[in-house]
Amino acid sequence: MEDLDLIIETVKQEMDSAMKHLDHAFQKIRAGRASTTMVQDVMVEYYGALTPINQVANVSVPDAMTISIQPWDRTAVNAIEKAIINSNLGFAPSNNGDNIILNVPPLTEERRRDLAKQAKAEGEQTKVTLRNARQEGMKELKKLEGISEDIIKDTEASIQELTDKYVRSVDEHVKVKEADIMKV
């Protein structure tokens, strides 16, 4: 019985991990408002090492359409500007010598649709991961010996219920994100 609980717990952990990944992916898909998460993955070459932008500068959002990046070391301004340009985020940084301002342009209807498609694709990828976790759990169940068929069937049903619950959660997340993206 301990083996059964372990299998279910492992499947649940993998599914939780897939949901965390989906949330992280959704943070990167902008919905028309400036956010510090838009630049969180930018790596700046700082004294010869690639360093996350938030470790070399203060990143803030003074208003809904602007991201302000203020380096702690003024010599890093050009390196940060170069990293933003090379990151293909679609922003044109303006550098005044002390800090960098990114103006977040309003989204066009076409760009909103593209972002909604991207959100859907992330959701579908997460569902694949959930189904793979279910499949792994089912394989592990089949390997167990000395357990009655009824108990195995009940455990399979529990894993399927868990999968269905997570798939519904993904659908809900995607729906909310799409609504957020399409809202003007």
Protein backbone atom coordinates (compact mmCIF):
# COMPACT_ATOMS: atom_id res chain seq x y z
CA MET A 1 0.00 0.00 0.00
CA GLU A 2 2.92 2.31 0.69
CA ASP A 3 4.06 1.77 -2.91
CA LEU A 4 0.64 2.87 -4.20
CA ASP A 5 0.73 6.08 -2.14
CA LEU A 6 4.26 6.77 -3.37
CA ILE A 7 3.21 6.34 -7.02
CA ILE A 8 0.24 8.70 -6.60
CA GLU A 9 2.39 11.24 -4.73
CA THR A 10 5.06 11.12 -7.46
CA VAL A 11 2.45 11.68 -10.18
CA LYS A 12 0.97 14.59 -8.20
CA GLN A 13 4.42 16.19 -7.76
CA GLU A 14 5.13 15.94 -11.49
CA MET A 15 1.76 17.51 -12.27
CA ASP A 16 2.35 20.33 -9.74
CA SER A 17 5.71 20.95 -11.39
CA ALA A 18 4.02 21.16 -14.82
CA MET A 19 1.55 23.74 -13.47
CA LYS A 20 4.40 25.84 -12.01
CA HIS A 21 6.11 25.75 -15.39
CA LEU A 22 2.87 26.92 -17.06
CA ASP A 23 2.54 29.82 -14.60
CA HIS A 24 6.16 30.83 -15.28
CA ALA A 25 5.58 30.64 -19.04
CA PHE A 26 2.44 32.78 -18.71
CA GLN A 27 4.36 35.45 -16.79
CA LYS A 28 6.55 35.94 -19.85
CA ILE A 29 3.55 36.41 -22.16
CA ARG A 30 2.71 40.05 -21.74
CA ALA A 31 -0.86 41.25 -21.74
CA GLY A 32 -0.34 44.90 -22.67
CA ARG A 33 0.93 46.15 -19.31
CA ALA A 34 4.56 46.62 -18.33
CA SER A 35 5.89 44.08 -15.83
CA THR A 36 9.32 43.35 -14.37
CA THR A 37 8.86 39.68 -15.40
CA MET A 38 9.23 40.76 -19.04
CA VAL A 39 12.95 41.31 -18.53
CA GLN A 40 13.68 38.85 -15.71
CA ASP A 41 15.39 36.34 -18.03
CA VAL A 42 17.70 38.91 -19.66
CA MET A 43 21.32 38.02 -18.97
CA VAL A 44 23.85 40.87 -18.86
CA GLU A 45 27.56 40.39 -19.50
CA TYR A 46 28.94 41.95 -16.33
CA TYR A 47 32.69 41.75 -15.66
CA GLY A 48 32.99 38.80 -18.03
CA ALA A 49 30.15 36.72 -16.54
CA LEU A 50 26.53 36.41 -17.66
CA THR A 51 24.45 37.76 -14.80
CA PRO A 52 20.65 38.08 -14.45
CA ILE A 53 19.53 41.68 -14.95
CA ASN A 54 17.99 41.89 -11.47
CA GLN A 55 21.44 41.25 -9.95
CA VAL A 56 23.05 44.24 -11.67
CA ALA A 57 20.18 46.74 -11.60
CA ASN A 58 16.96 47.80 -9.93
CA VAL A 59 14.09 46.94 -12.28
CA SER A 60 10.83 48.78 -11.63
CA VAL A 61 7.55 49.72 -13.31
CA PRO A 62 6.82 53.44 -12.79
CA ASP A 63 3.62 53.24 -14.86
CA ALA A 64 1.60 50.73 -16.93
CA MET A 65 3.60 51.33 -20.12
CA THR A 66 7.17 51.82 -18.83
CA ILE A 67 9.92 49.65 -17.35
CA SER A 68 12.77 51.48 -15.64
CA ILE A 69 16.16 49.81 -15.20
CA GLN A 70 18.62 51.57 -12.92
CA PRO A 71 22.04 49.88 -12.72
CA TRP A 72 23.84 49.87 -9.39
CA ASP A 73 27.09 50.40 -11.30
CA ARG A 74 26.88 53.16 -13.97
CA THR A 75 29.50 51.38 -16.07
CA ALA A 76 26.97 48.58 -16.68
CA VAL A 77 24.45 50.81 -18.52
CA ASN A 78 25.78 49.96 -21.99
CA ALA A 79 26.05 46.24 -21.21
CA ILE A 80 22.43 46.19 -20.00
CA GLU A 81 21.26 48.07 -23.07
CA LYS A 82 23.10 45.63 -25.34
CA ALA A 83 21.63 42.62 -23.47
CA ILE A 84 18.07 43.96 -23.90
CA ILE A 85 18.60 44.54 -27.63
CA ASN A 86 20.10 41.05 -28.06
CA SER A 87 17.29 39.38 -26.08
CA ASN A 88 14.78 39.97 -28.92
CA LEU A 89 12.09 41.22 -26.54
CA GLY A 90 10.99 43.77 -29.12
CA PHE A 91 11.83 46.79 -26.96
CA ALA A 92 13.95 49.73 -28.03
CA PRO A 93 15.76 50.82 -24.86
CA SER A 94 16.46 54.50 -24.33
CA ASN A 95 19.60 55.18 -22.34
CA ASN A 96 20.14 58.52 -20.59
CA GLY A 97 23.52 57.60 -19.13
CA ASP A 98 22.20 56.80 -15.65
CA ASN A 99 19.36 54.43 -16.37
CA ILE A 100 17.46 52.69 -19.14
CA ILE A 101 13.80 53.22 -19.97
CA LEU A 102 11.78 50.66 -21.91
CA ASN A 103 8.51 51.88 -23.38
CA VAL A 104 6.04 49.01 -23.72
CA PRO A 105 4.04 49.65 -26.88
CA PRO A 106 0.32 48.90 -26.81
CA LEU A 107 -0.51 45.56 -28.39
CA THR A 108 -2.06 45.41 -31.84
CA GLU A 109 -5.04 43.13 -32.45
CA GLU A 110 -2.84 40.78 -34.49
CA ARG A 111 -0.18 40.64 -31.78
CA ARG A 112 -2.87 39.89 -29.18
CA ARG A 113 -4.07 36.95 -31.28
CA ASP A 114 -0.49 35.68 -31.62
CA LEU A 115 0.02 35.91 -27.85
CA ALA A 116 -3.30 34.11 -27.25
CA LYS A 117 -2.12 31.32 -29.59
CA GLN A 118 1.16 31.19 -27.68
CA ALA A 119 -0.76 30.85 -24.39
CA LYS A 120 -2.86 28.02 -25.89
CA ALA A 121 0.28 26.25 -27.11
CA GLU A 122 1.82 26.48 -23.62
CA GLY A 123 -1.40 25.02 -22.21
CA GLU A 124 -1.31 22.13 -24.70
CA GLN A 125 2.34 21.45 -23.86
CA THR A 126 1.44 21.33 -20.17
CA LYS A 127 -1.37 18.85 -20.89
CA VAL A 128 1.14 16.61 -22.69
CA THR A 129 3.36 16.74 -19.61
CA LEU A 130 0.37 15.88 -17.38
CA ARG A 131 -0.53 12.90 -19.56
CA ASN A 132 3.07 11.71 -19.53
CA ALA A 133 3.05 11.86 -15.72
CA ARG A 134 -0.18 9.80 -15.72
CA GLN A 135 1.37 7.28 -18.10
CA GLU A 136 4.48 6.92 -15.92
CA GLY A 137 2.27 6.34 -12.86
CA MET A 138 0.29 3.65 -14.70
CA LYS A 139 3.52 1.92 -15.78
CA GLU A 140 4.79 1.90 -12.19
CA LEU A 141 1.47 0.39 -11.05
CA LYS A 142 1.76 -2.44 -13.56
CA LYS A 143 5.24 -3.28 -12.18
CA LEU A 144 3.89 -3.88 -8.67
CA GLU A 145 3.37 -7.51 -7.67
CA GLY A 146 1.17 -9.14 -5.06
CA ILE A 147 -1.58 -6.51 -5.12
CA SER A 148 -5.17 -7.36 -6.01
CA GLU A 149 -6.60 -6.22 -9.34
CA ASP A 150 -9.32 -4.23 -7.57
CA ILE A 151 -6.79 -2.12 -5.68
CA ILE A 152 -4.81 -1.51 -8.87
CA LYS A 153 -8.01 -0.48 -10.72
CA ASP A 154 -8.93 1.90 -7.86
CA THR A 155 -5.45 3.43 -7.94
CA GLU A 156 -5.64 3.81 -11.74
CA ALA A 157 -8.97 5.58 -11.29
CA SER A 158 -7.39 7.90 -8.68
CA ILE A 159 -4.54 8.77 -11.06
CA GLN A 160 -7.03 9.42 -13.88
CA GLU A 161 -9.14 11.66 -11.57
CA LEU A 162 -5.99 13.59 -10.65
CA THR A 163 -5.10 13.99 -14.35
CA ASP A 164 -8.61 15.19 -15.22
CA LYS A 165 -8.49 17.73 -12.37
CA TYR A 166 -5.15 19.15 -13.57
CA VAL A 167 -6.27 19.24 -17.23
CA ARG A 168 -9.36 21.25 -16.19
CA SER A 169 -7.07 23.57 -14.23
CA VAL A 170 -4.86 24.09 -17.32
CA ASP A 171 -7.95 24.88 -19.42
CA GLU A 172 -9.06 27.42 -16.82
CA HIS A 173 -5.58 29.02 -16.67
CA VAL A 174 -5.48 29.30 -20.48
CA LYS A 175 -8.97 30.82 -20.58
CA VAL A 176 -8.05 33.45 -17.97
CA LYS A 177 -4.77 34.30 -19.73
CA GLU A 178 -6.48 34.60 -23.13
CA ALA A 179 -9.10 36.92 -21.65
CA ASP A 180 -6.30 38.99 -20.09
CA ILE A 181 -4.42 39.18 -23.40
CA MET A 182 -7.48 40.10 -25.50
CA LYS A 183 -8.68 42.77 -23.07
CA VAL A 184 -7.85 46.19 -24.53
